[in-house]
Amino acid sequence: MKLQDVLITGELKSRKSRRPDVFGERRGFTTIARRTTYGRAAILQTICEQALVLCNADSTGVSLLCESDGEEAFSWDALAGRFAPFVGGKAPRHESPCGVCLELGATQLFSHPERYFAWLRETDVPITEGLVVPMYQEDKIPLGTIWIVLHDERRVFDAEDARIMTALAGHTSAALRMAIHD
């Protein structure tokens, strides 16, 4: 199995995209804005919950770069959906969809990523698609990623999901920068 067998980002351009839900998006971002004073954990969790709603995803998460046992890793600081029980867990930096996303420096779409990233099978949660978006500090230093996944074949992600998640990545990066300066 090669990475190219699970990396299907190009399909975002060819898939029919749903229409933007401007009012739903406004409600979601208003909810996020109202939580900015609740602290880092609350804002990250709210962003995850809104990603579920806005993208009709099954699970979502914020994976932040950290060190674990002397190696770079991702800390699952906020999760929602079927992945929620894994909050606080870690994922390897260089052997994960999040790592690939940061290496390539752009949004990435994966199909059944557990076929390539064997450790994902340990979660025992099926992933039919995963959309991963990079997050950066202002000076392009990577912070981590924000992602959404689907657990069954009922739908696929499209360019509208990528657009929404890119906007959420910007809000998440800003929230993290504010938390650092508090």
N, C-alpha and C. Protein backbone atom coordinates (compact mmCIF):
# COMPACT_ATOMS: atom_id res chain seq x y z
N MET A 1 0.85 -1.19 0.00
CA MET A 1 0.00 0.00 0.00
C MET A 1 0.89 1.24 0.00
N LYS A 2 0.58 2.17 -0.88
CA LYS A 2 1.32 3.43 -0.97
C LYS A 2 0.43 4.58 -0.50
N LEU A 3 1.06 5.66 -0.10
CA LEU A 3 0.31 6.84 0.33
C LEU A 3 -0.65 7.29 -0.76
N GLN A 4 -0.22 7.26 -2.00
CA GLN A 4 -1.07 7.70 -3.12
C GLN A 4 -2.34 6.87 -3.25
N ASP A 5 -2.35 5.67 -2.66
CA ASP A 5 -3.54 4.83 -2.70
C ASP A 5 -4.66 5.34 -1.79
N VAL A 6 -4.30 6.13 -0.79
CA VAL A 6 -5.30 6.65 0.15
C VAL A 6 -5.47 8.17 0.05
N LEU A 7 -4.55 8.84 -0.61
CA LEU A 7 -4.60 10.30 -0.74
C LEU A 7 -5.37 10.66 -2.00
N ILE A 8 -6.58 11.24 -1.83
CA ILE A 8 -7.48 11.50 -2.96
C ILE A 8 -7.88 12.97 -3.05
N THR A 9 -6.99 13.86 -2.67
CA THR A 9 -7.29 15.29 -2.61
C THR A 9 -7.82 15.83 -3.93
N GLY A 10 -7.32 15.34 -5.04
CA GLY A 10 -7.77 15.81 -6.35
C GLY A 10 -9.25 15.64 -6.59
N GLU A 11 -9.87 14.70 -5.89
CA GLU A 11 -11.31 14.48 -6.07
C GLU A 11 -12.15 15.66 -5.59
N LEU A 12 -11.60 16.49 -4.72
CA LEU A 12 -12.36 17.65 -4.25
C LEU A 12 -12.75 18.57 -5.41
N LYS A 13 -11.89 18.65 -6.42
CA LYS A 13 -12.16 19.51 -7.58
C LYS A 13 -13.22 18.92 -8.50
N SER A 14 -13.30 17.60 -8.57
CA SER A 14 -14.22 16.98 -9.53
C SER A 14 -15.59 16.65 -8.95
N ARG A 15 -15.71 16.65 -7.64
CA ARG A 15 -17.00 16.33 -7.01
C ARG A 15 -17.94 17.52 -7.06
N LYS A 16 -19.21 17.21 -7.23
CA LYS A 16 -20.23 18.26 -7.16
C LYS A 16 -20.28 18.76 -5.72
N SER A 17 -20.25 20.07 -5.58
CA SER A 17 -20.24 20.70 -4.26
C SER A 17 -21.63 21.18 -3.89
N ARG A 18 -21.96 21.03 -2.63
CA ARG A 18 -23.24 21.56 -2.18
C ARG A 18 -23.15 23.08 -2.08
N ARG A 19 -24.31 23.70 -2.02
CA ARG A 19 -24.36 25.16 -1.91
C ARG A 19 -23.99 25.57 -0.49
N PRO A 20 -23.34 26.72 -0.35
CA PRO A 20 -23.03 27.21 0.99
C PRO A 20 -24.31 27.48 1.78
N ASP A 21 -24.28 27.16 3.05
CA ASP A 21 -25.37 27.48 3.97
C ASP A 21 -24.93 28.71 4.75
N VAL A 22 -25.15 29.86 4.17
CA VAL A 22 -24.65 31.12 4.73
C VAL A 22 -25.21 31.35 6.13
N PHE A 23 -26.49 31.10 6.34
CA PHE A 23 -27.09 31.34 7.65
C PHE A 23 -26.58 30.34 8.68
N GLY A 24 -26.46 29.07 8.30
CA GLY A 24 -25.91 28.07 9.20
C GLY A 24 -24.47 28.39 9.58
N GLU A 25 -23.72 28.82 8.59
CA GLU A 25 -22.33 29.17 8.84
C GLU A 25 -22.24 30.38 9.77
N ARG A 26 -23.08 31.37 9.55
CA ARG A 26 -23.09 32.55 10.41
C ARG A 26 -23.43 32.15 11.86
N ARG A 27 -24.43 31.28 12.02
CA ARG A 27 -24.78 30.80 13.37
C ARG A 27 -23.59 30.09 14.01
N GLY A 28 -22.94 29.22 13.24
CA GLY A 28 -21.80 28.47 13.76
C GLY A 28 -20.66 29.37 14.20
N PHE A 29 -20.30 30.32 13.36
CA PHE A 29 -19.20 31.22 13.70
C PHE A 29 -19.57 32.18 14.82
N THR A 30 -20.85 32.53 14.94
CA THR A 30 -21.30 33.34 16.07
C THR A 30 -21.17 32.56 17.37
N THR A 31 -21.54 31.28 17.34
CA THR A 31 -21.38 30.42 18.52
C THR A 31 -19.92 30.36 18.94
N ILE A 32 -19.04 30.19 17.96
CA ILE A 32 -17.61 30.14 18.26
C ILE A 32 -17.15 31.46 18.87
N ALA A 33 -17.56 32.58 18.29
CA ALA A 33 -17.15 33.89 18.80
C ALA A 33 -17.61 34.10 20.24
N ARG A 34 -18.80 33.62 20.56
CA ARG A 34 -19.32 33.79 21.92
C ARG A 34 -18.53 32.99 22.95
N ARG A 35 -17.86 31.94 22.52
CA ARG A 35 -17.10 31.08 23.44
C ARG A 35 -15.65 31.51 23.61
N THR A 36 -15.23 32.55 22.93
CA THR A 36 -13.81 32.93 22.98
C THR A 36 -13.34 33.29 24.38
N THR A 37 -14.24 33.70 25.25
CA THR A 37 -13.84 34.07 26.61
C THR A 37 -13.92 32.90 27.58
N TYR A 38 -14.30 31.71 27.11
CA TYR A 38 -14.48 30.56 27.99
C TYR A 38 -13.19 29.78 28.23
N GLY A 39 -12.12 30.15 27.57
CA GLY A 39 -10.86 29.44 27.74
C GLY A 39 -10.54 28.55 26.55
N ARG A 40 -9.29 28.15 26.49
CA ARG A 40 -8.76 27.39 25.35
C ARG A 40 -9.52 26.09 25.10
N ALA A 41 -9.72 25.29 26.12
CA ALA A 41 -10.38 23.99 25.93
C ALA A 41 -11.80 24.16 25.41
N ALA A 42 -12.52 25.13 25.95
CA ALA A 42 -13.92 25.35 25.54
C ALA A 42 -14.01 25.82 24.10
N ILE A 43 -13.11 26.72 23.69
CA ILE A 43 -13.18 27.21 22.32
C ILE A 43 -12.81 26.11 21.33
N LEU A 44 -11.80 25.30 21.65
CA LEU A 44 -11.43 24.20 20.75
C LEU A 44 -12.56 23.19 20.63
N GLN A 45 -13.22 22.89 21.75
CA GLN A 45 -14.33 21.95 21.70
C GLN A 45 -15.50 22.51 20.90
N THR A 46 -15.77 23.79 21.07
CA THR A 46 -16.85 24.43 20.31
C THR A 46 -16.55 24.40 18.82
N ILE A 47 -15.31 24.66 18.45
CA ILE A 47 -14.93 24.61 17.04
C ILE A 47 -15.16 23.20 16.49
N CYS A 48 -14.78 22.18 17.25
CA CYS A 48 -15.02 20.79 16.81
C CYS A 48 -16.51 20.52 16.63
N GLU A 49 -17.30 20.94 17.60
CA GLU A 49 -18.74 20.70 17.52
C GLU A 49 -19.36 21.41 16.32
N GLN A 50 -18.90 22.63 16.05
CA GLN A 50 -19.43 23.36 14.89
C GLN A 50 -18.98 22.73 13.58
N ALA A 51 -17.77 22.18 13.54
CA ALA A 51 -17.30 21.48 12.33
C ALA A 51 -18.20 20.29 12.03
N LEU A 52 -18.62 19.56 13.07
CA LEU A 52 -19.55 18.44 12.88
C LEU A 52 -20.82 18.90 12.20
N VAL A 53 -21.38 19.99 12.71
CA VAL A 53 -22.65 20.50 12.21
C VAL A 53 -22.50 21.09 10.81
N LEU A 54 -21.53 21.98 10.63
CA LEU A 54 -21.39 22.69 9.36
C LEU A 54 -21.00 21.78 8.20
N CYS A 55 -20.27 20.71 8.49
CA CYS A 55 -19.81 19.81 7.43
C CYS A 55 -20.55 18.47 7.44
N ASN A 56 -21.52 18.33 8.33
CA ASN A 56 -22.26 17.07 8.43
C ASN A 56 -21.30 15.89 8.53
N ALA A 57 -20.27 16.06 9.37
CA ALA A 57 -19.25 15.04 9.56
C ALA A 57 -19.66 14.10 10.70
N ASP A 58 -18.94 13.01 10.82
CA ASP A 58 -19.22 12.05 11.90
C ASP A 58 -18.29 12.24 13.09
N SER A 59 -17.08 12.67 12.85
CA SER A 59 -16.12 12.99 13.91
C SER A 59 -15.25 14.15 13.44
N THR A 60 -14.69 14.85 14.41
CA THR A 60 -13.80 15.96 14.10
C THR A 60 -12.79 16.11 15.22
N GLY A 61 -11.69 16.78 14.92
CA GLY A 61 -10.69 16.97 15.95
C GLY A 61 -9.72 18.08 15.64
N VAL A 62 -9.05 18.52 16.71
CA VAL A 62 -7.94 19.46 16.61
C VAL A 62 -6.72 18.70 17.11
N SER A 63 -5.73 18.57 16.23
CA SER A 63 -4.48 17.87 16.55
C SER A 63 -3.36 18.90 16.59
N LEU A 64 -2.77 19.09 17.77
CA LEU A 64 -1.73 20.10 17.94
C LEU A 64 -0.35 19.45 18.05
N LEU A 65 0.63 20.06 17.41
CA LEU A 65 2.00 19.55 17.49
C LEU A 65 2.50 19.61 18.93
N CYS A 66 3.18 18.56 19.35
CA CYS A 66 3.75 18.49 20.68
C CYS A 66 4.93 17.52 20.65
N GLU A 67 5.56 17.34 21.80
CA GLU A 67 6.60 16.31 21.92
C GLU A 67 6.08 15.21 22.80
N SER A 68 6.36 13.97 22.41
CA SER A 68 5.96 12.80 23.19
C SER A 68 7.12 11.81 23.15
N ASP A 69 7.66 11.51 24.30
CA ASP A 69 8.81 10.60 24.40
C ASP A 69 9.97 11.06 23.51
N GLY A 70 10.20 12.38 23.49
CA GLY A 70 11.31 12.93 22.73
C GLY A 70 11.10 13.03 21.23
N GLU A 71 9.91 12.70 20.75
CA GLU A 71 9.63 12.76 19.32
C GLU A 71 8.43 13.67 19.07
N GLU A 72 8.40 14.26 17.88
CA GLU A 72 7.26 15.09 17.51
C GLU A 72 6.02 14.21 17.36
N ALA A 73 4.91 14.72 17.86
CA ALA A 73 3.64 14.00 17.78
C ALA A 73 2.52 15.03 17.66
N PHE A 74 1.31 14.52 17.54
CA PHE A 74 0.12 15.36 17.59
C PHE A 74 -0.67 14.97 18.82
N SER A 75 -1.09 15.98 19.57
CA SER A 75 -1.95 15.77 20.73
C SER A 75 -3.39 16.04 20.30
N TRP A 76 -4.27 15.11 20.60
CA TRP A 76 -5.68 15.28 20.26
C TRP A 76 -6.34 16.09 21.38
N ASP A 77 -6.23 17.41 21.28
CA ASP A 77 -6.69 18.30 22.34
C ASP A 77 -8.20 18.47 22.40
N ALA A 78 -8.87 18.34 21.29
CA ALA A 78 -10.34 18.45 21.26
C ALA A 78 -10.85 17.50 20.18
N LEU A 79 -11.87 16.74 20.53
CA LEU A 79 -12.48 15.78 19.60
C LEU A 79 -13.99 15.79 19.80
N ALA A 80 -14.71 15.50 18.74
CA ALA A 80 -16.17 15.37 18.83
C ALA A 80 -16.59 14.22 17.92
N GLY A 81 -17.75 13.66 18.20
CA GLY A 81 -18.24 12.53 17.42
C GLY A 81 -17.70 11.22 17.97
N ARG A 82 -17.60 10.23 17.10
CA ARG A 82 -17.17 8.90 17.55
C ARG A 82 -15.73 8.84 18.02
N PHE A 83 -14.93 9.83 17.67
CA PHE A 83 -13.54 9.88 18.14
C PHE A 83 -13.42 10.54 19.51
N ALA A 84 -14.50 11.10 20.05
CA ALA A 84 -14.45 11.82 21.33
C ALA A 84 -13.79 11.04 22.47
N PRO A 85 -13.98 9.72 22.59
CA PRO A 85 -13.33 9.01 23.69
C PRO A 85 -11.80 9.04 23.65
N PHE A 86 -11.22 9.44 22.53
CA PHE A 86 -9.77 9.44 22.40
C PHE A 86 -9.14 10.79 22.72
N VAL A 87 -9.93 11.75 23.24
CA VAL A 87 -9.39 13.07 23.57
C VAL A 87 -8.21 12.90 24.53
N GLY A 88 -7.16 13.68 24.29
CA GLY A 88 -5.95 13.58 25.10
C GLY A 88 -4.95 12.58 24.55
N GLY A 89 -5.37 11.81 23.55
CA GLY A 89 -4.47 10.83 22.94
C GLY A 89 -3.42 11.50 22.07
N LYS A 90 -2.53 10.68 21.56
CA LYS A 90 -1.45 11.18 20.71
C LYS A 90 -1.43 10.41 19.40
N ALA A 91 -0.93 11.07 18.37
CA ALA A 91 -0.75 10.46 17.06
C ALA A 91 0.67 10.78 16.59
N PRO A 92 1.32 9.87 15.89
CA PRO A 92 2.68 10.13 15.43
C PRO A 92 2.73 11.26 14.40
N ARG A 93 3.74 12.10 14.49
CA ARG A 93 3.89 13.24 13.59
C ARG A 93 4.14 12.80 12.15
N HIS A 94 5.05 11.85 11.97
CA HIS A 94 5.48 11.51 10.62
C HIS A 94 4.78 10.29 10.04
N GLU A 95 3.86 9.72 10.75
CA GLU A 95 3.15 8.52 10.28
C GLU A 95 1.65 8.73 10.42
N SER A 96 1.16 9.89 9.98
CA SER A 96 -0.25 10.19 10.18
C SER A 96 -0.78 11.08 9.06
N PRO A 97 -2.10 11.07 8.86
CA PRO A 97 -2.69 12.01 7.90
C PRO A 97 -2.36 13.47 8.24
N CYS A 98 -2.33 13.79 9.53
CA CYS A 98 -2.01 15.16 9.94
C CYS A 98 -0.58 15.52 9.54
N GLY A 99 0.34 14.59 9.72
CA GLY A 99 1.73 14.82 9.33
C GLY A 99 1.87 15.02 7.83
N VAL A 100 1.16 14.21 7.05
CA VAL A 100 1.19 14.37 5.59
C VAL A 100 0.65 15.74 5.20
N CYS A 101 -0.43 16.15 5.84
CA CYS A 101 -1.03 17.46 5.56
C CYS A 101 -0.02 18.58 5.80
N LEU A 102 0.68 18.53 6.94
CA LEU A 102 1.66 19.58 7.22
C LEU A 102 2.85 19.51 6.27
N GLU A 103 3.28 18.30 5.93
CA GLU A 103 4.40 18.14 4.98
C GLU A 103 4.05 18.75 3.63
N LEU A 104 2.83 18.52 3.17
CA LEU A 104 2.40 19.03 1.87
C LEU A 104 1.95 20.48 1.93
N GLY A 105 1.68 20.97 3.15
CA GLY A 105 1.33 22.38 3.33
C GLY A 105 -0.01 22.80 2.78
N ALA A 106 -0.95 21.86 2.71
CA ALA A 106 -2.26 22.18 2.14
C ALA A 106 -3.29 21.16 2.62
N THR A 107 -4.55 21.51 2.46
CA THR A 107 -5.66 20.62 2.79
C THR A 107 -5.50 19.30 2.02
N GLN A 108 -5.77 18.18 2.72
CA GLN A 108 -5.65 16.86 2.10
C GLN A 108 -6.90 16.04 2.39
N LEU A 109 -7.29 15.24 1.41
CA LEU A 109 -8.43 14.33 1.54
C LEU A 109 -7.91 12.90 1.45
N PHE A 110 -8.32 12.08 2.42
CA PHE A 110 -7.89 10.68 2.49
C PHE A 110 -9.10 9.76 2.38
N SER A 111 -8.91 8.63 1.73
CA SER A 111 -9.92 7.57 1.65
C SER A 111 -9.39 6.36 2.41
N HIS A 112 -10.12 5.93 3.42
CA HIS A 112 -9.73 4.78 4.24
C HIS A 112 -8.25 4.87 4.64
N PRO A 113 -7.87 5.93 5.36
CA PRO A 113 -6.46 6.13 5.69
C PRO A 113 -5.85 5.01 6.53
N GLU A 114 -6.68 4.24 7.21
CA GLU A 114 -6.15 3.14 8.03
C GLU A 114 -5.48 2.07 7.18
N ARG A 115 -5.74 2.06 5.89
CA ARG A 115 -5.05 1.10 5.01
C ARG A 115 -3.56 1.42 4.92
N TYR A 116 -3.20 2.69 5.04
CA TYR A 116 -1.79 3.10 4.97
C TYR A 116 -1.21 3.35 6.37
N PHE A 117 -1.98 4.00 7.22
CA PHE A 117 -1.55 4.31 8.58
C PHE A 117 -2.12 3.25 9.52
N ALA A 118 -1.37 2.18 9.71
CA ALA A 118 -1.87 1.00 10.43
C ALA A 118 -2.33 1.32 11.85
N TRP A 119 -1.70 2.28 12.52
CA TRP A 119 -2.06 2.59 13.90
C TRP A 119 -3.51 3.07 14.01
N LEU A 120 -4.07 3.62 12.93
CA LEU A 120 -5.47 4.07 12.98
C LEU A 120 -6.43 2.91 13.19
N ARG A 121 -6.03 1.71 12.81
CA ARG A 121 -6.90 0.54 13.02
C ARG A 121 -7.12 0.27 14.50
N GLU A 122 -6.18 0.69 15.33
CA GLU A 122 -6.28 0.46 16.78
C GLU A 122 -7.47 1.20 17.39
N THR A 123 -7.95 2.25 16.74
CA THR A 123 -9.10 2.99 17.26
C THR A 123 -10.38 2.19 17.11
N ASP A 124 -10.39 1.24 16.20
CA ASP A 124 -11.56 0.42 15.91
C ASP A 124 -12.76 1.27 15.48
N VAL A 125 -12.47 2.42 14.88
CA VAL A 125 -13.50 3.31 14.35
C VAL A 125 -13.22 3.43 12.84
N PRO A 126 -14.14 2.96 12.01
CA PRO A 126 -13.89 3.02 10.56
C PRO A 126 -13.85 4.46 10.06
N ILE A 127 -12.98 4.70 9.10
CA ILE A 127 -12.88 6.03 8.47
C ILE A 127 -13.02 5.83 6.97
N THR A 128 -14.12 6.29 6.42
CA THR A 128 -14.27 6.19 4.96
C THR A 128 -13.58 7.36 4.27
N GLU A 129 -13.65 8.55 4.87
CA GLU A 129 -12.93 9.71 4.35
C GLU A 129 -12.48 10.59 5.50
N GLY A 130 -11.34 11.23 5.30
CA GLY A 130 -10.83 12.20 6.26
C GLY A 130 -10.33 13.43 5.53
N LEU A 131 -10.77 14.59 5.96
CA LEU A 131 -10.34 15.86 5.38
C LEU A 131 -9.51 16.58 6.44
N VAL A 132 -8.25 16.86 6.12
CA VAL A 132 -7.30 17.41 7.09
C VAL A 132 -6.79 18.75 6.58
N VAL A 133 -6.85 19.77 7.45
CA VAL A 133 -6.47 21.14 7.08
C VAL A 133 -5.36 21.62 8.01
N PRO A 134 -4.27 22.18 7.45
CA PRO A 134 -3.18 22.65 8.30
C PRO A 134 -3.52 23.95 9.02
N MET A 135 -2.89 24.12 10.18
CA MET A 135 -3.02 25.37 10.94
C MET A 135 -1.62 25.90 11.21
N TYR A 136 -1.47 27.21 11.06
CA TYR A 136 -0.16 27.84 11.24
C TYR A 136 -0.24 29.05 12.15
N GLN A 137 0.92 29.38 12.75
CA GLN A 137 1.06 30.66 13.40
C GLN A 137 1.24 31.69 12.30
N GLU A 138 1.22 32.95 12.66
CA GLU A 138 1.32 34.02 11.66
C GLU A 138 2.57 33.89 10.81
N ASP A 139 3.66 33.39 11.37
CA ASP A 139 4.92 33.30 10.64
C ASP A 139 5.11 31.94 9.96
N LYS A 140 4.03 31.27 9.67
CA LYS A 140 4.01 29.99 8.94
C LYS A 140 4.63 28.83 9.72
N ILE A 141 4.80 28.99 11.03
CA ILE A 141 5.24 27.87 11.86
C ILE A 141 4.01 27.01 12.13
N PRO A 142 4.09 25.70 11.84
CA PRO A 142 2.89 24.86 12.00
C PRO A 142 2.46 24.71 13.46
N LEU A 143 1.15 24.82 13.68
CA LEU A 143 0.55 24.58 14.99
C LEU A 143 0.00 23.16 15.08
N GLY A 144 -0.52 22.67 13.96
CA GLY A 144 -1.17 21.36 13.93
C GLY A 144 -2.19 21.33 12.81
N THR A 145 -3.26 20.57 13.03
CA THR A 145 -4.30 20.45 12.01
C THR A 145 -5.68 20.42 12.66
N ILE A 146 -6.66 20.68 11.84
CA ILE A 146 -8.06 20.45 12.21
C ILE A 146 -8.61 19.51 11.15
N TRP A 147 -9.43 18.55 11.57
CA TRP A 147 -9.87 17.52 10.63
C TRP A 147 -11.30 17.07 10.90
N ILE A 148 -11.90 16.52 9.85
CA ILE A 148 -13.22 15.90 9.93
C ILE A 148 -13.14 14.54 9.26
N VAL A 149 -13.94 13.61 9.75
CA VAL A 149 -13.98 12.29 9.13
C VAL A 149 -15.42 11.80 8.99
N LEU A 150 -15.58 10.90 8.05
CA LEU A 150 -16.84 10.17 7.86
C LEU A 150 -16.58 8.72 8.21
N HIS A 151 -17.60 8.08 8.80
CA HIS A 151 -17.44 6.68 9.22
C HIS A 151 -18.22 5.70 8.36
N ASP A 152 -18.97 6.19 7.40
CA ASP A 152 -19.68 5.29 6.50
C ASP A 152 -19.77 5.92 5.12
N GLU A 153 -20.33 5.20 4.18
CA GLU A 153 -20.33 5.62 2.78
C GLU A 153 -21.53 6.51 2.40
N ARG A 154 -22.30 6.99 3.38
CA ARG A 154 -23.53 7.73 3.06
C ARG A 154 -23.28 9.04 2.32
N ARG A 155 -22.08 9.60 2.46
CA ARG A 155 -21.74 10.83 1.75
C ARG A 155 -20.24 10.93 1.59
N VAL A 156 -19.79 11.91 0.83
CA VAL A 156 -18.37 12.19 0.67
C VAL A 156 -18.15 13.68 0.90
N PHE A 157 -16.92 14.04 1.20
CA PHE A 157 -16.60 15.45 1.39
C PHE A 157 -16.45 16.13 0.03
N ASP A 158 -16.70 17.44 0.03
CA ASP A 158 -16.60 18.21 -1.21
C ASP A 158 -15.83 19.51 -0.95
N ALA A 159 -15.72 20.33 -1.99
CA ALA A 159 -14.98 21.58 -1.88
C ALA A 159 -15.59 22.53 -0.86
N GLU A 160 -16.90 22.45 -0.65
CA GLU A 160 -17.55 23.30 0.36
C GLU A 160 -17.06 22.91 1.76
N ASP A 161 -16.90 21.61 2.01
CA ASP A 161 -16.35 21.18 3.30
C ASP A 161 -14.94 21.72 3.48
N ALA A 162 -14.14 21.66 2.42
CA ALA A 162 -12.76 22.17 2.48
C ALA A 162 -12.76 23.67 2.76
N ARG A 163 -13.67 24.40 2.15
CA ARG A 163 -13.75 25.85 2.38
C ARG A 163 -14.10 26.16 3.83
N ILE A 164 -15.11 25.47 4.35
CA ILE A 164 -15.53 25.68 5.74
C ILE A 164 -14.40 25.32 6.70
N MET A 165 -13.76 24.19 6.47
CA MET A 165 -12.69 23.76 7.37
C MET A 165 -11.49 24.70 7.31
N THR A 166 -11.22 25.28 6.15
CA THR A 166 -10.15 26.26 6.04
C THR A 166 -10.48 27.49 6.89
N ALA A 167 -11.73 27.92 6.85
CA ALA A 167 -12.15 29.05 7.69
C ALA A 167 -12.05 28.68 9.17
N LEU A 168 -12.47 27.47 9.53
CA LEU A 168 -12.36 27.03 10.93
C LEU A 168 -10.91 26.92 11.36
N ALA A 169 -10.03 26.51 10.46
CA ALA A 169 -8.60 26.44 10.79
C ALA A 169 -8.07 27.83 11.14
N GLY A 170 -8.51 28.83 10.40
CA GLY A 170 -8.10 30.20 10.70
C GLY A 170 -8.58 30.65 12.07
N HIS A 171 -9.83 30.33 12.40
CA HIS A 171 -10.38 30.68 13.71
C HIS A 171 -9.65 29.93 14.82
N THR A 172 -9.34 28.66 14.57
CA THR A 172 -8.65 27.86 15.58
C THR A 172 -7.25 28.41 15.82
N SER A 173 -6.54 28.74 14.76
CA SER A 173 -5.20 29.32 14.89
C SER A 173 -5.25 30.62 15.69
N ALA A 174 -6.22 31.46 15.38
CA ALA A 174 -6.37 32.73 16.10
C ALA A 174 -6.68 32.48 17.57
N ALA A 175 -7.56 31.53 17.86
CA ALA A 175 -7.90 31.22 19.25
C ALA A 175 -6.68 30.71 20.00
N LEU A 176 -5.88 29.90 19.35
CA LEU A 176 -4.67 29.38 20.00
C LEU A 176 -3.66 30.49 20.25
N ARG A 177 -3.52 31.41 19.31
CA ARG A 177 -2.60 32.54 19.51
C ARG A 177 -3.08 33.41 20.67
N MET A 178 -4.40 33.63 20.77
CA MET A 178 -4.95 34.43 21.87
C MET A 178 -4.68 33.72 23.20
N ALA A 179 -4.82 32.40 23.23
CA ALA A 179 -4.60 31.64 24.46
C ALA A 179 -3.13 31.72 24.88
N ILE A 180 -2.22 31.75 23.91
CA ILE A 180 -0.79 31.85 24.21
C ILE A 180 -0.47 33.19 24.85
N HIS A 181 -1.14 34.25 24.39
CA HIS A 181 -0.85 35.60 24.87
C HIS A 181 -1.60 35.95 26.15
N ASP A 182 -2.50 35.11 26.60
CA ASP A 182 -3.25 35.39 27.84
C ASP A 182 -2.39 35.15 29.07
